[in-house]
Amino acid sequence: MGYHSLEEVKRVLRTGMGHCQGRGCLKLVARLIQEETGIPASEQKMPRPRPPLKPLPLSLLGSGGLSPDGDCPQGRLSRNGHEA
């Protein structure tokens, strides 16, 4: 039982989604999977990059992020990404 691929581990633990974007940690996780399952790290597929679930306006990046309720600052966009 457990997870047997980098893709599964990424989906559950968000591995590879930090500052390095997986350049360091995914190789380590592949070696751990190899030790536990016997699947060689060289044969494991790297997870596919995925775009964000919803687009965010570039102005949001420099504005301090989302408010505690998940809405954009000044209510520009609602939680579902539509104009508020």
Protein backbone atom coordinates (compact mmCIF):
# COMPACT_ATOMS: atom_id res chain seq x y z
CA MET A 1 0.00 0.00 0.00
CA GLY A 2 1.08 3.63 -0.17
CA TYR A 3 2.15 5.80 -3.06
CA HIS A 4 4.32 4.38 -5.83
CA SER A 5 4.96 7.32 -8.15
CA LEU A 6 6.25 10.87 -8.01
CA GLU A 7 2.91 12.08 -9.38
CA GLU A 8 1.00 10.45 -6.51
CA VAL A 9 3.37 11.86 -3.89
CA LYS A 10 3.15 15.33 -5.45
CA ARG A 11 -0.65 15.30 -5.40
CA VAL A 12 -0.84 14.27 -1.76
CA LEU A 13 2.15 16.09 -0.22
CA ARG A 14 2.59 18.97 -2.73
CA THR A 15 6.20 17.86 -3.20
CA GLY A 16 7.95 19.88 -5.87
CA MET A 17 5.77 22.94 -5.45
CA GLY A 18 8.17 24.99 -3.32
CA HIS A 19 10.86 27.45 -4.30
CA CYS A 20 12.96 24.89 -6.19
CA GLN A 21 9.91 23.67 -8.16
CA GLY A 22 11.09 20.09 -7.64
CA ARG A 23 14.61 20.45 -8.97
CA GLY A 24 16.04 19.18 -5.70
CA CYS A 25 13.36 17.36 -3.76
CA LEU A 26 11.86 15.25 -6.54
CA LYS A 27 15.17 13.44 -7.11
CA LEU A 28 15.32 12.64 -3.40
CA VAL A 29 11.72 11.43 -3.38
CA ALA A 30 12.43 9.27 -6.44
CA ARG A 31 15.27 7.60 -4.53
CA LEU A 32 12.98 6.99 -1.56
CA ILE A 33 10.38 5.42 -3.85
CA GLN A 34 13.15 3.28 -5.34
CA GLU A 35 14.20 2.07 -1.88
CA GLU A 36 10.62 1.22 -0.91
CA THR A 37 9.30 -0.24 -4.17
CA GLY A 38 12.33 -1.31 -6.18
CA ILE A 39 11.27 0.90 -9.10
CA PRO A 40 14.53 2.50 -10.33
CA ALA A 41 14.60 6.29 -9.96
CA SER A 42 15.74 6.56 -13.59
CA GLU A 43 12.50 4.88 -14.76
CA GLN A 44 10.14 7.06 -12.74
CA LYS A 45 8.34 9.80 -14.65
CA MET A 46 8.69 13.34 -13.38
CA PRO A 47 5.33 14.96 -12.60
CA ARG A 48 3.77 17.08 -15.32
CA PRO A 49 3.69 20.83 -14.76
CA ARG A 50 0.17 22.18 -14.43
CA PRO A 51 -1.13 25.73 -14.79
CA PRO A 52 -2.90 27.34 -11.81
CA LEU A 53 -6.52 26.34 -11.26
CA LYS A 54 -7.66 29.90 -11.89
CA PRO A 55 -5.78 32.82 -13.39
CA LEU A 56 -4.84 35.65 -11.06
CA PRO A 57 -4.28 39.26 -12.07
CA LEU A 58 -0.61 40.28 -12.03
CA SER A 59 -1.51 43.20 -9.76
CA LEU A 60 -2.36 40.66 -7.05
CA LEU A 61 1.23 39.43 -6.86
CA GLY A 62 2.53 42.71 -5.48
CA SER A 63 -0.50 43.64 -3.40
CA GLY A 64 0.04 41.37 -0.43
CA GLY A 65 -2.01 38.39 -1.53
CA LEU A 66 -5.51 37.24 -0.73
CA SER A 67 -7.49 38.42 2.24
CA PRO A 68 -8.26 35.89 5.04
CA ASP A 69 -11.62 35.04 3.48
CA GLY A 70 -9.93 34.06 0.19
CA ASP A 71 -11.03 37.10 -1.79
CA CYS A 72 -8.66 39.42 -3.63
CA PRO A 73 -7.71 42.70 -1.97
CA GLN A 74 -10.31 45.45 -2.42
CA GLY A 75 -12.73 42.75 -3.61
CA ARG A 76 -11.54 42.92 -7.25
CA LEU A 77 -12.22 39.24 -7.82
CA SER A 78 -14.44 36.88 -5.90
CA ARG A 79 -13.42 33.41 -4.81
CA ASN A 80 -14.54 31.96 -8.16
CA GLY A 81 -12.36 34.40 -10.13
CA HIS A 82 -15.14 36.67 -11.41
CA GLU A 83 -15.28 40.43 -10.99
CA ALA A 84 -16.76 41.33 -7.64
